[in-house]
Amino acid sequence: MTNTALILIDVQRGFDLPVLGKRNNPAAEANIAALLDFWTGPLVLVRHDSLQPGSPLEPGTDGNRFKPELDGAQPDLVFSKNVNSAFHGHVDLHSWLADRGITEIVLAGIQTNMCVDTTARVGGNLGYDVKVVLDATFTFDLEDLTADQLSEATATNLRGGGFASIVSTVDITG
């Protein structure tokens, strides 16, 4: 798996706040922890640093910290971003991956239809073999769609558009 990196996106405490609304997939954190327990290849942790004052993800706040499931993780790279795609963060992720001969990326984290989706699309466009571990992501209800509907639509769009394969935690961990 040395040519494959696990990228965990925005697994932060701020997403636990009730103000964000109803979320799906209560097993996401346990599945993220299972991926971490299994993973032996390169590991990347990405944090969203919101530019909006008062945001649950504002730098320097408890909400900006990684969730406890990431405690003990030994990442090869940690960086922040303030846009949706991890490829447009404060580190040139594409160069970092290419310099290490990484051709496949496995994505998990928060939110399924926002930062995970956007990172998968950009990664696919850059030529990576992208796998999204759907059961290790979650999102929130948005407008007239439930979180489950958004998650299913994201999976369909990524798979159908040729951006990524949709897999489960068990598909990765065996």
Protein backbone atom coordinates (compact mmCIF):
# COMPACT_ATOMS: atom_id res chain seq x y z
CA MET A 1 0.00 0.00 0.00
CA THR A 2 2.96 2.33 -0.26
CA ASN A 3 1.51 3.86 -3.42
CA THR A 4 -1.80 4.45 -1.63
CA ALA A 5 -2.48 7.23 0.88
CA LEU A 6 -5.35 7.46 3.36
CA ILE A 7 -6.59 11.05 3.52
CA LEU A 8 -8.89 11.93 6.42
CA ILE A 9 -10.73 15.16 5.74
CA ASP A 10 -12.06 17.55 8.40
CA VAL A 11 -12.59 14.99 11.17
CA GLN A 12 -13.14 17.84 13.62
CA ARG A 13 -15.10 18.40 16.81
CA GLY A 14 -17.01 21.37 15.41
CA PHE A 15 -19.14 18.99 13.36
CA ASP A 16 -20.62 17.60 16.59
CA LEU A 17 -22.54 20.80 17.35
CA PRO A 18 -26.34 20.47 17.21
CA VAL A 19 -26.62 23.79 15.36
CA LEU A 20 -25.48 21.99 12.18
CA GLY A 21 -28.68 19.95 12.11
CA LYS A 22 -29.49 16.30 11.58
CA ARG A 23 -26.63 14.15 10.37
CA ASN A 24 -26.51 10.67 8.95
CA ASN A 25 -24.26 7.67 9.53
CA PRO A 26 -23.65 7.57 13.28
CA ALA A 27 -21.07 4.80 12.61
CA ALA A 28 -18.76 7.12 10.64
CA GLU A 29 -16.35 7.80 13.50
CA ALA A 30 -16.07 4.10 14.40
CA ASN A 31 -15.34 3.33 10.76
CA ILE A 32 -12.71 6.08 10.61
CA ALA A 33 -11.10 4.57 13.72
CA ALA A 34 -11.16 1.12 12.07
CA LEU A 35 -9.44 2.53 8.99
CA LEU A 36 -6.76 4.11 11.19
CA ASP A 37 -6.22 0.88 13.14
CA PHE A 38 -5.72 -1.02 9.87
CA TRP A 39 -3.75 1.52 7.87
CA THR A 40 0.01 1.06 7.37
CA GLY A 41 0.59 3.32 4.35
CA PRO A 42 0.98 7.08 4.14
CA LEU A 43 -1.58 8.96 6.25
CA VAL A 44 -2.71 12.55 5.65
CA LEU A 45 -4.88 14.55 8.06
CA VAL A 46 -6.61 17.65 6.73
CA ARG A 47 -8.24 20.28 8.94
CA HIS A 48 -10.72 22.93 7.81
CA ASP A 49 -9.80 26.36 9.18
CA SER A 50 -12.90 28.46 8.63
CA LEU A 51 -12.43 32.11 7.79
CA GLN A 52 -15.87 33.00 9.20
CA PRO A 53 -15.75 34.46 12.71
CA GLY A 54 -17.86 32.37 15.08
CA SER A 55 -17.71 29.28 12.87
CA PRO A 56 -17.60 25.92 14.67
CA LEU A 57 -14.35 25.33 12.73
CA GLU A 58 -12.68 28.65 13.56
CA PRO A 59 -8.95 28.23 14.27
CA GLY A 60 -8.08 28.32 17.96
CA THR A 61 -11.46 26.96 19.07
CA ASP A 62 -12.26 23.53 20.47
CA GLY A 63 -14.37 22.86 17.37
CA ASN A 64 -11.30 23.21 15.17
CA ARG A 65 -9.53 20.34 16.97
CA PHE A 66 -9.53 16.84 15.54
CA LYS A 67 -12.03 14.37 16.98
CA PRO A 68 -10.78 11.87 19.60
CA GLU A 69 -10.81 9.08 17.00
CA LEU A 70 -7.65 10.64 15.56
CA ASP A 71 -5.82 10.66 18.91
CA GLY A 72 -2.71 8.57 18.58
CA ALA A 73 -2.65 8.80 14.79
CA GLN A 74 0.83 9.20 13.37
CA PRO A 75 0.26 11.12 10.15
CA ASP A 76 2.87 11.66 7.50
CA LEU A 77 1.32 15.03 6.71
CA VAL A 78 -1.05 17.38 8.55
CA PHE A 79 -2.25 20.62 7.02
CA SER A 80 -5.19 22.99 6.94
CA LYS A 81 -7.38 24.42 4.23
CA ASN A 82 -10.17 26.98 4.09
CA VAL A 83 -11.87 25.78 0.90
CA ASN A 84 -13.59 22.50 0.04
CA SER A 85 -10.83 20.60 -1.74
CA ALA A 86 -7.84 19.25 0.17
CA PHE A 87 -5.91 19.79 -3.07
CA HIS A 88 -6.32 23.53 -2.53
CA GLY A 89 -5.05 23.73 1.03
CA HIS A 90 -2.03 25.33 2.65
CA VAL A 91 0.14 22.50 1.30
CA ASP A 92 0.44 21.41 -2.33
CA LEU A 93 -1.09 17.98 -1.76
CA HIS A 94 -0.74 16.97 -5.40
CA SER A 95 3.03 17.58 -5.33
CA TRP A 96 3.38 15.88 -1.96
CA LEU A 97 1.63 12.75 -3.26
CA ALA A 98 3.46 12.76 -6.60
CA ASP A 99 6.86 13.15 -4.90
CA ARG A 100 6.13 9.92 -3.00
CA GLY A 101 4.88 7.97 -6.01
CA ILE A 102 1.34 7.82 -4.63
CA THR A 103 -1.18 7.03 -7.36
CA GLU A 104 -4.18 5.95 -5.29
CA ILE A 105 -5.97 7.86 -2.54
CA VAL A 106 -8.53 6.58 -0.05
CA LEU A 107 -10.78 9.33 1.31
CA ALA A 108 -12.92 9.49 4.45
CA GLY A 109 -14.18 12.27 6.69
CA ILE A 110 -16.66 15.09 6.82
CA GLN A 111 -18.82 16.22 4.95
CA THR A 112 -19.67 13.60 2.36
CA ASN A 113 -21.21 16.02 -0.15
CA MET A 114 -18.86 18.93 0.48
CA CYS A 115 -15.14 18.51 1.20
CA VAL A 116 -14.94 14.75 0.64
CA ASP A 117 -16.82 15.08 -2.67
CA THR A 118 -14.76 18.04 -3.88
CA THR A 119 -11.46 16.40 -2.94
CA ALA A 120 -12.52 13.21 -4.75
CA ARG A 121 -13.47 15.14 -7.89
CA VAL A 122 -10.22 17.10 -7.99
CA GLY A 123 -8.22 13.94 -7.24
CA GLY A 124 -9.97 12.12 -10.07
CA ASN A 125 -9.30 15.01 -12.42
CA LEU A 126 -5.62 14.91 -11.46
CA GLY A 127 -5.46 11.23 -12.41
CA TYR A 128 -5.49 9.55 -9.01
CA ASP A 129 -7.31 6.26 -8.47
CA VAL A 130 -9.75 7.60 -5.86
CA LYS A 131 -11.70 5.47 -3.41
CA VAL A 132 -14.29 7.08 -1.15
CA VAL A 133 -15.07 5.06 1.97
CA LEU A 134 -18.70 6.13 2.12
CA ASP A 135 -19.48 4.52 5.49
CA ALA A 136 -16.58 6.50 6.98
CA THR A 137 -18.17 9.83 6.03
CA PHE A 138 -21.22 11.77 7.14
CA THR A 139 -23.14 14.88 6.24
CA PHE A 140 -26.15 16.91 7.32
CA ASP A 141 -29.63 17.56 5.98
CA LEU A 142 -29.53 20.43 3.49
CA GLU A 143 -32.49 22.38 2.17
CA ASP A 144 -35.09 19.79 1.10
CA LEU A 145 -32.75 16.76 1.04
CA THR A 146 -31.91 14.47 3.92
CA ALA A 147 -28.33 13.65 4.79
CA ASP A 148 -28.90 10.09 3.54
CA GLN A 149 -30.19 11.39 0.20
CA LEU A 150 -27.21 13.70 -0.14
CA SER A 151 -24.82 10.86 0.66
CA GLU A 152 -26.45 8.58 -1.92
CA ALA A 153 -26.46 11.33 -4.56
CA THR A 154 -22.79 12.07 -3.87
CA ALA A 155 -21.89 8.40 -4.27
CA THR A 156 -23.86 8.20 -7.53
CA ASN A 157 -22.26 11.36 -8.92
CA LEU A 158 -18.71 10.33 -8.00
CA ARG A 159 -19.10 6.80 -9.32
CA GLY A 160 -21.19 7.72 -12.36
CA GLY A 161 -18.96 10.63 -13.27
CA GLY A 162 -15.85 8.45 -13.12
CA PHE A 163 -14.29 10.47 -10.32
CA ALA A 164 -14.07 7.74 -7.69
CA SER A 165 -14.95 4.22 -6.65
CA ILE A 166 -17.32 3.95 -3.70
CA VAL A 167 -16.17 1.43 -1.11
CA SER A 168 -16.88 0.45 2.49
CA THR A 169 -14.61 0.20 5.49
CA VAL A 170 -14.68 -3.60 5.20
CA ASP A 171 -13.62 -3.34 1.54
CA ILE A 172 -10.46 -1.58 2.76
CA THR A 173 -9.78 -3.45 5.98
CA GLY A 174 -10.85 -6.91 4.79
